[in-house]
Amino acid sequence: MRVLKIGARKSLLKSYDPLNQPNLYTINNISAADTLSIRQQVLRPNLAVDQCHFDGDLNEATFHLGALVDGTLIGIATMMRDASPELAAISSDQFRLRGMAVLPGHRDQGIGRAILDNCIEEVRQRDCNLFWCNARETAARFYTAAGFSKTSETTFDIPTAGPHFVMYKQL
């Protein structure tokens, strides 16, 4: 796995460890290819790994972040320049969060929030003022806690992933 450090935005967090041995998590730049295994395991278990690419994964403005513990990738997120028509009245300068996931054994330890916070900071550094995502209905509380708003209380269905809300955060 190719890992590039983000520099000042690198995060070191303590996680819960049953043996009271804290692990250090780092948030680093990763490649699109690095995201595929976790995308498949967590977000698209009914698809083959090679079917978990997103349109735009390799675009110049797209970037991918990963959470690692002891060199092992445990969480991912992809950000790409993509405008939601629903949010055009707020801003035409938008970044979209896609494929955010943390492996089940590492959830509820602040890793997802650390990935999201690093994504937001990186998008701010790119002078973007609106960050949005299609949030799974089961993840809506996570995004609300991070300051995101829903465009509507009505969900829409993504056939391979279930009910979602469009959620956004102004930066």
Protein backbone atom coordinates (compact mmCIF):
# COMPACT_ATOMS: atom_id res chain seq x y z
CA MET A 1 0.00 0.00 0.00
CA ARG A 2 1.31 3.45 -0.93
CA VAL A 3 0.85 5.94 1.92
CA LEU A 4 1.57 9.65 1.66
CA LYS A 5 1.42 11.75 4.80
CA ILE A 6 -0.77 14.84 4.87
CA GLY A 7 1.76 16.73 6.96
CA ALA A 8 0.21 19.13 9.48
CA ARG A 9 -3.19 17.52 9.11
CA LYS A 10 -1.95 14.08 10.18
CA SER A 11 -4.02 12.88 13.15
CA LEU A 12 -2.86 10.71 16.01
CA LEU A 13 -5.71 9.35 18.11
CA LYS A 14 -5.89 6.88 20.95
CA SER A 15 -8.32 4.03 20.46
CA TYR A 16 -9.92 1.74 22.97
CA ASP A 17 -7.88 -1.40 23.52
CA PRO A 18 -9.09 -4.14 25.88
CA LEU A 19 -5.56 -4.73 27.15
CA ASN A 20 -5.11 -1.00 27.92
CA GLN A 21 -2.50 -0.76 25.18
CA PRO A 22 -3.40 2.37 23.19
CA ASN A 23 -3.02 2.19 19.43
CA LEU A 24 -2.08 5.25 17.41
CA TYR A 25 -4.25 5.87 14.39
CA THR A 26 -2.94 7.96 11.55
CA ILE A 27 -4.95 9.60 8.78
CA ASN A 28 -3.00 9.60 5.52
CA ASN A 29 -3.45 10.09 1.80
CA ILE A 30 -4.01 6.78 0.04
CA SER A 31 -4.65 5.73 -3.55
CA ALA A 32 -8.00 4.90 -5.10
CA ALA A 33 -6.87 1.27 -5.36
CA ASP A 34 -6.21 1.22 -1.60
CA THR A 35 -9.90 2.00 -0.90
CA LEU A 36 -11.36 -0.91 -2.85
CA SER A 37 -11.07 -3.72 -0.31
CA ILE A 38 -12.80 -1.77 2.47
CA ARG A 39 -15.40 -0.39 0.05
CA GLN A 40 -16.24 -3.94 -0.89
CA GLN A 41 -16.21 -5.35 2.66
CA VAL A 42 -18.27 -2.58 4.27
CA LEU A 43 -20.26 -0.78 1.57
CA ARG A 44 -20.70 -3.20 -1.32
CA PRO A 45 -20.42 -6.78 0.06
CA ASN A 46 -22.54 -8.15 -2.80
CA LEU A 47 -20.10 -6.89 -5.43
CA ALA A 48 -16.63 -8.06 -6.41
CA VAL A 49 -13.73 -5.82 -5.37
CA ASP A 50 -13.09 -4.80 -8.99
CA GLN A 51 -16.69 -3.49 -9.17
CA CYS A 52 -16.16 -1.04 -6.30
CA HIS A 53 -14.53 1.75 -8.34
CA PHE A 54 -16.33 5.11 -8.41
CA ASP A 55 -16.57 7.33 -11.46
CA GLY A 56 -14.13 10.14 -10.68
CA ASP A 57 -11.80 8.07 -8.47
CA LEU A 58 -8.82 8.99 -10.63
CA ASN A 59 -9.73 12.62 -11.40
CA GLU A 60 -7.02 15.14 -10.60
CA ALA A 61 -9.12 16.93 -7.96
CA THR A 62 -10.16 13.69 -6.23
CA PHE A 63 -8.34 12.60 -3.09
CA HIS A 64 -8.61 9.61 -0.80
CA LEU A 65 -7.85 9.43 2.91
CA GLY A 66 -7.33 6.35 5.04
CA ALA A 67 -7.04 5.58 8.73
CA LEU A 68 -4.24 3.20 9.57
CA VAL A 69 -3.27 1.41 12.75
CA ASP A 70 0.08 -0.34 12.84
CA GLY A 71 0.30 0.10 9.05
CA THR A 72 -3.04 -1.61 8.39
CA LEU A 73 -5.81 0.30 6.62
CA ILE A 74 -8.98 0.28 8.76
CA GLY A 75 -11.03 3.20 7.40
CA ILE A 76 -11.40 5.15 4.17
CA ALA A 77 -13.04 8.13 2.48
CA THR A 78 -13.00 9.62 -1.01
CA MET A 79 -13.57 13.31 -1.82
CA MET A 80 -14.24 14.56 -5.32
CA ARG A 81 -15.34 17.76 -6.98
CA ASP A 82 -18.95 17.03 -7.81
CA ALA A 83 -21.90 19.39 -7.57
CA SER A 84 -25.32 18.34 -6.29
CA PRO A 85 -28.12 20.05 -8.24
CA GLU A 86 -30.10 20.18 -4.98
CA LEU A 87 -27.40 22.39 -3.46
CA ALA A 88 -26.69 24.67 -6.44
CA ALA A 89 -28.56 27.58 -4.82
CA ILE A 90 -26.18 27.44 -1.85
CA SER A 91 -22.92 27.11 -3.80
CA SER A 92 -21.55 25.88 -7.09
CA ASP A 93 -18.17 25.21 -5.43
CA GLN A 94 -18.73 21.75 -3.93
CA PHE A 95 -16.84 18.66 -2.86
CA ARG A 96 -18.61 15.34 -2.45
CA LEU A 97 -17.73 12.71 0.14
CA ARG A 98 -18.07 9.15 -1.17
CA GLY A 99 -17.33 5.71 0.14
CA MET A 100 -16.62 6.55 3.75
CA ALA A 101 -16.25 3.36 5.80
CA VAL A 102 -14.55 1.97 8.89
CA LEU A 103 -14.03 -1.74 9.41
CA PRO A 104 -16.46 -3.18 12.00
CA GLY A 105 -13.83 -4.01 14.62
CA HIS A 106 -12.67 -0.37 14.71
CA ARG A 107 -15.98 1.48 14.95
CA ASP A 108 -17.15 3.62 17.89
CA GLN A 109 -13.59 4.74 18.63
CA GLY A 110 -13.64 8.13 16.89
CA ILE A 111 -11.90 6.90 13.74
CA GLY A 112 -14.77 7.79 11.40
CA ARG A 113 -14.97 11.26 12.90
CA ALA A 114 -11.20 11.69 12.56
CA ILE A 115 -11.39 10.73 8.88
CA LEU A 116 -14.31 13.11 8.33
CA ASP A 117 -12.59 15.98 10.16
CA ASN A 118 -9.47 15.51 8.02
CA CYS A 119 -11.60 15.44 4.87
CA ILE A 120 -13.28 18.70 5.86
CA GLU A 121 -9.95 20.35 6.64
CA GLU A 122 -8.49 19.26 3.30
CA VAL A 123 -11.55 20.56 1.43
CA ARG A 124 -11.22 23.91 3.28
CA GLN A 125 -7.56 24.06 2.20
CA ARG A 126 -8.80 23.73 -1.39
CA ASP A 127 -10.97 26.85 -0.91
CA CYS A 128 -14.24 24.99 -1.24
CA ASN A 129 -17.24 26.20 0.73
CA LEU A 130 -19.70 23.29 0.51
CA PHE A 131 -19.16 19.65 1.40
CA TRP A 132 -21.91 17.07 0.76
CA CYS A 133 -22.66 13.37 0.66
CA ASN A 134 -25.35 10.80 0.08
CA ALA A 135 -25.56 9.49 3.65
CA ARG A 136 -26.98 6.08 4.40
CA GLU A 137 -30.05 6.35 6.57
CA THR A 138 -28.16 4.42 9.27
CA ALA A 139 -25.32 6.99 9.23
CA ALA A 140 -27.42 10.18 9.28
CA ARG A 141 -26.93 10.74 13.03
CA PHE A 142 -23.14 10.52 12.57
CA TYR A 143 -23.21 13.30 9.96
CA THR A 144 -25.69 15.42 11.93
CA ALA A 145 -23.34 15.24 14.95
CA ALA A 146 -20.56 16.55 12.66
CA GLY A 147 -22.64 19.60 11.66
CA PHE A 148 -24.23 18.31 8.46
CA SER A 149 -27.83 19.13 7.49
CA LYS A 150 -30.31 17.12 5.43
CA THR A 151 -31.76 18.65 2.28
CA SER A 152 -35.00 16.79 3.05
CA GLU A 153 -36.44 14.36 5.59
CA THR A 154 -37.30 12.05 2.70
CA THR A 155 -34.86 9.29 1.79
CA PHE A 156 -34.06 8.09 -1.70
CA ASP A 157 -32.93 4.60 -2.61
CA ILE A 158 -29.60 3.58 -4.12
CA PRO A 159 -30.24 0.04 -5.44
CA THR A 160 -26.88 -1.37 -4.32
CA ALA A 161 -26.84 0.43 -0.95
CA GLY A 162 -30.36 1.17 0.34
CA PRO A 163 -32.02 4.37 1.64
CA HIS A 164 -29.99 7.59 1.77
CA PHE A 165 -30.32 11.29 2.59
CA VAL A 166 -28.50 14.09 0.78
CA MET A 167 -26.57 15.86 3.56
CA TYR A 168 -24.28 18.89 3.43
CA LYS A 169 -22.08 21.16 5.47
CA GLN A 170 -21.20 24.74 4.62
CA LEU A 171 -17.55 25.50 5.31
